[in-house]
Amino acid sequence: MGDEVRKDQLGHRKRLRTRFLKDLGRAMEDYELLELILTQAIPRGDVKPLAKQLISYFKSYAGVLSATPEELQKVEGVGEAAIVAIKLSQQSALRLLKQEAFKGHILNNWQNLIDYLQAAMGREKVEQLRVLYLNQRNHLIADEVQNIGTVNHTPLYPREIVKRALDLSAVAIIIVHNHPSGDPAPSQEDIQMTNMVKDAGSNLGITLHDHIIIGHNNYLSFKTQGLL
């Protein structure tokens, strides 16, 4: 009986791989893609129930990939190997998006930039402040997370941002932070601090191109909204 079960499981895994290779997974359900990821980490057994449980627990496929190792560990059946496989998939996607976003002139590659920032920050549980430092051709010099805060606040220090820009010989910057609430509407403090960074930079020849606030599935551009 045990041998028959194992053969059936191996056959199911092979069928999943075959289906994936037909169109690289485009027609597959989210739980099936996650199931394939888990088969790389869990060599034996039926991982379909675990894949479905994870998607149910974290509400979506993206939610699973974005979950922290500590959060994933709370789900029974998820060990170190499964966590590595899941987070490796997320990191691979982020690197692909990042390379597409920062290929050449950033301002001419806007949607790719937003896609990357959404994937990198849209599901974070606390606020992060990210600064993109650019050269004269608006090519990326550095993409750095400057500060990590709380669920509704992260510190922004204009002097530190400008000093770092000078250290990198950057001539322009883009500030990005996320709102874990999902609503990208700026607070009065967001507006005030943005103006402080703009003023501090302009005195030293550093242009603030934009301040982007990332929500769950949306974003706000200070430039587009006439706030900068």
Protein backbone atom coordinates (compact mmCIF):
# COMPACT_ATOMS: atom_id res chain seq x y z
CA MET A 1 0.00 0.00 0.00
CA GLY A 2 2.81 2.38 0.93
CA ASP A 3 4.61 1.78 -2.38
CA GLU A 4 1.39 2.48 -4.33
CA VAL A 5 0.87 5.77 -2.49
CA ARG A 6 4.45 6.83 -3.17
CA LYS A 7 4.10 5.97 -6.87
CA ASP A 8 0.90 7.98 -7.08
CA GLN A 9 2.58 10.97 -5.39
CA LEU A 10 5.58 10.75 -7.70
CA GLY A 11 3.25 10.56 -10.67
CA HIS A 12 1.34 13.61 -9.46
CA ARG A 13 4.56 15.60 -9.08
CA LYS A 14 5.66 14.60 -12.57
CA ARG A 15 2.30 15.66 -14.01
CA LEU A 16 2.61 19.03 -12.25
CA ARG A 17 6.07 19.58 -13.74
CA THR A 18 4.83 18.62 -17.19
CA ARG A 19 1.90 21.02 -16.96
CA PHE A 20 4.19 23.77 -15.74
CA LEU A 21 6.56 23.34 -18.68
CA LYS A 22 3.72 23.62 -21.22
CA ASP A 23 3.21 27.33 -20.52
CA LEU A 24 5.55 27.99 -17.59
CA GLY A 25 2.68 27.85 -15.14
CA ARG A 26 0.43 30.51 -16.66
CA ALA A 27 -2.64 28.28 -16.56
CA MET A 28 -1.94 26.79 -13.14
CA GLU A 29 -3.71 27.70 -9.92
CA ASP A 30 -1.79 29.57 -7.23
CA TYR A 31 -1.80 26.56 -4.91
CA GLU A 32 -0.33 24.42 -7.69
CA LEU A 33 2.58 26.80 -8.20
CA LEU A 34 3.18 26.82 -4.46
CA GLU A 35 2.92 23.05 -4.45
CA LEU A 36 5.72 22.88 -7.03
CA ILE A 37 7.88 25.16 -4.89
CA LEU A 38 7.29 22.95 -1.87
CA THR A 39 8.22 19.79 -3.78
CA GLN A 40 11.73 21.24 -4.15
CA ALA A 41 12.04 21.38 -0.38
CA ILE A 42 9.94 18.39 0.73
CA PRO A 43 11.06 15.38 -1.31
CA ARG A 44 8.34 12.97 -0.16
CA GLY A 45 4.67 13.15 0.63
CA ASP A 46 1.65 15.01 -0.66
CA VAL A 47 2.29 18.74 -0.28
CA LYS A 48 -0.97 19.90 -1.90
CA PRO A 49 -2.78 20.21 1.49
CA LEU A 50 0.12 22.27 2.86
CA ALA A 51 0.11 24.55 -0.20
CA LYS A 52 -3.62 25.17 0.17
CA GLN A 53 -3.27 25.71 3.91
CA LEU A 54 -0.54 28.31 3.40
CA ILE A 55 -2.58 30.27 0.86
CA SER A 56 -5.60 30.15 3.16
CA TYR A 57 -3.52 31.27 6.16
CA PHE A 58 -1.78 34.15 4.36
CA LYS A 59 -4.81 35.03 2.18
CA SER A 60 -3.00 34.82 -1.18
CA TYR A 61 -0.01 33.45 -3.09
CA ALA A 62 1.72 36.82 -2.77
CA GLY A 63 0.96 36.76 0.94
CA VAL A 64 2.79 33.46 1.30
CA LEU A 65 5.89 34.66 -0.56
CA SER A 66 5.91 37.92 1.43
CA ALA A 67 5.51 36.28 4.84
CA THR A 68 8.49 36.41 7.17
CA PRO A 69 10.33 33.20 8.10
CA GLU A 70 8.92 33.56 11.62
CA GLU A 71 5.37 33.77 10.28
CA LEU A 72 5.86 30.80 7.96
CA GLN A 73 7.25 28.72 10.80
CA LYS A 74 3.94 29.00 12.64
CA VAL A 75 2.26 26.83 10.01
CA GLU A 76 2.54 23.15 10.86
CA GLY A 77 4.58 21.26 8.30
CA VAL A 78 6.70 24.23 7.25
CA GLY A 79 10.36 23.66 8.13
CA GLU A 80 13.62 25.34 7.24
CA ALA A 81 13.84 23.80 3.77
CA ALA A 82 10.32 24.95 2.85
CA ILE A 83 11.01 28.46 4.17
CA VAL A 84 14.19 28.69 2.09
CA ALA A 85 12.34 27.55 -1.05
CA ILE A 86 9.52 30.06 -0.52
CA LYS A 87 11.78 33.02 0.27
CA LEU A 88 14.13 32.08 -2.60
CA SER A 89 11.15 32.35 -4.96
CA GLN A 90 10.32 35.77 -3.57
CA GLN A 91 13.89 37.01 -3.78
CA SER A 92 14.22 35.76 -7.38
CA ALA A 93 11.09 37.70 -8.35
CA LEU A 94 12.34 40.84 -6.59
CA ARG A 95 15.71 40.69 -8.32
CA LEU A 96 14.08 40.31 -11.72
CA LEU A 97 11.79 43.29 -11.05
CA LYS A 98 14.69 45.35 -9.69
CA GLN A 99 16.89 44.73 -12.71
CA GLU A 100 14.04 45.70 -15.04
CA ALA A 101 13.25 48.82 -12.99
CA PHE A 102 16.80 50.12 -12.88
CA LYS A 103 17.75 49.40 -16.47
CA GLY A 104 18.76 52.81 -17.78
CA HIS A 105 16.91 56.08 -17.17
CA ILE A 106 14.64 55.52 -14.15
CA LEU A 107 12.14 58.26 -14.99
CA ASN A 108 11.58 56.69 -18.41
CA ASN A 109 10.98 53.31 -16.79
CA TRP A 110 8.28 54.39 -14.35
CA GLN A 111 5.89 51.43 -14.37
CA ASN A 112 8.73 48.94 -13.88
CA LEU A 113 9.94 51.05 -10.95
CA ILE A 114 6.48 51.03 -9.35
CA ASP A 115 6.15 47.26 -9.89
CA TYR A 116 9.45 46.71 -8.10
CA LEU A 117 8.62 49.04 -5.21
CA GLN A 118 5.18 47.47 -4.84
CA ALA A 119 6.69 44.00 -4.63
CA ALA A 120 9.48 45.07 -2.28
CA MET A 121 7.44 47.20 0.13
CA GLY A 122 3.70 46.82 -0.48
CA ARG A 123 3.20 44.01 2.03
CA GLU A 124 5.60 45.08 4.75
CA LYS A 125 4.06 45.12 8.24
CA VAL A 126 5.94 48.26 9.34
CA GLU A 127 6.94 51.45 7.56
CA GLN A 128 10.22 51.54 5.68
CA LEU A 129 12.01 54.55 4.23
CA ARG A 130 13.86 53.80 1.00
CA VAL A 131 15.98 56.28 -0.97
CA LEU A 132 17.04 55.89 -4.59
CA TYR A 133 20.22 57.83 -5.41
CA LEU A 134 20.72 58.81 -9.05
CA ASN A 135 23.51 60.18 -11.22
CA GLN A 136 23.31 62.95 -13.84
CA ARG A 137 21.73 60.58 -16.36
CA ASN A 138 19.10 59.48 -13.81
CA HIS A 139 20.67 56.04 -13.63
CA LEU A 140 20.65 54.30 -10.27
CA ILE A 141 23.71 54.63 -8.05
CA ALA A 142 22.20 53.04 -4.93
CA ASP A 143 18.88 51.67 -3.67
CA GLU A 144 18.97 51.81 0.12
CA VAL A 145 16.53 51.26 2.97
CA GLN A 146 17.45 54.14 5.27
CA ASN A 147 15.15 53.45 8.21
CA ILE A 148 12.59 50.94 9.49
CA GLY A 149 9.89 52.26 11.79
CA THR A 150 6.54 51.19 13.23
CA VAL A 151 3.17 50.38 11.72
CA ASN A 152 2.44 54.05 11.14
CA HIS A 153 5.71 55.96 11.35
CA THR A 154 9.29 55.82 10.15
CA PRO A 155 11.86 58.52 10.89
CA LEU A 156 13.07 60.69 8.02
CA TYR A 157 16.22 62.74 8.53
CA PRO A 158 16.83 65.22 5.68
CA ARG A 159 20.46 65.84 6.67
CA GLU A 160 21.30 62.13 6.58
CA ILE A 161 19.69 61.70 3.16
CA VAL A 162 21.51 64.68 1.69
CA LYS A 163 24.81 63.68 3.31
CA ARG A 164 24.51 60.19 1.84
CA ALA A 165 23.77 61.69 -1.58
CA LEU A 166 26.95 63.76 -1.37
CA ASP A 167 28.95 60.70 -0.28
CA LEU A 168 27.67 58.84 -3.36
CA SER A 169 28.12 61.84 -5.68
CA ALA A 170 24.41 61.62 -6.49
CA VAL A 171 22.72 64.61 -8.11
CA ALA A 172 19.11 63.46 -7.68
CA ILE A 173 17.06 61.31 -5.32
CA ILE A 174 13.66 59.64 -5.07
CA ILE A 175 12.23 59.01 -1.61
CA VAL A 176 9.92 56.03 -1.11
CA HIS A 177 8.05 54.82 1.93
CA ASN A 178 5.16 52.44 2.50
CA HIS A 179 1.91 52.69 4.44
CA PRO A 180 1.10 49.29 6.01
CA SER A 181 -2.53 50.47 6.36
CA GLY A 182 -2.75 50.20 2.57
CA ASP A 183 -3.82 53.82 2.10
CA PRO A 184 -1.07 55.83 0.33
CA ALA A 185 -2.56 59.24 1.21
CA PRO A 186 0.23 61.42 2.68
CA SER A 187 0.07 62.78 6.20
CA GLN A 188 0.85 66.40 6.97
CA GLU A 189 4.16 65.21 8.42
CA ASP A 190 4.94 63.39 5.15
CA ILE A 191 4.41 66.64 3.24
CA GLN A 192 6.48 68.72 5.67
CA MET A 193 9.42 66.32 5.71
CA THR A 194 9.38 66.05 1.92
CA ASN A 195 9.69 69.83 1.62
CA MET A 196 12.55 69.79 4.11
CA VAL A 197 14.44 67.22 2.05
CA LYS A 198 13.75 69.20 -1.14
CA ASP A 199 15.06 72.42 0.41
CA ALA A 200 18.12 70.78 1.98
CA GLY A 201 19.04 69.11 -1.30
CA SER A 202 18.45 72.10 -3.58
CA ASN A 203 20.92 74.18 -1.57
CA LEU A 204 23.60 71.63 -2.50
CA GLY A 205 22.58 70.90 -6.08
CA ILE A 206 20.65 67.71 -5.30
CA THR A 207 17.22 67.40 -6.92
CA LEU A 208 14.34 65.59 -5.26
CA HIS A 209 12.53 64.04 -8.22
CA ASP A 210 9.66 62.52 -6.27
CA HIS A 211 8.37 61.07 -3.03
CA ILE A 212 6.41 57.86 -3.61
CA ILE A 213 4.12 56.32 -1.00
CA ILE A 214 3.39 52.63 -1.54
CA GLY A 215 0.07 51.13 -0.43
CA HIS A 216 -1.07 47.52 -0.78
CA ASN A 217 -2.09 47.64 -4.44
CA ASN A 218 -1.71 51.33 -5.16
CA TYR A 219 0.67 54.22 -4.76
CA LEU A 220 0.84 58.01 -4.61
CA SER A 221 3.39 60.22 -6.35
CA PHE A 222 3.99 63.65 -4.78
CA LYS A 223 5.06 64.93 -8.20
CA THR A 224 1.90 63.73 -9.93
CA GLN A 225 -0.30 65.10 -7.14
CA GLY A 226 1.32 68.53 -7.32
CA LEU A 227 2.77 68.19 -3.82
CA LEU A 228 6.36 68.63 -5.00
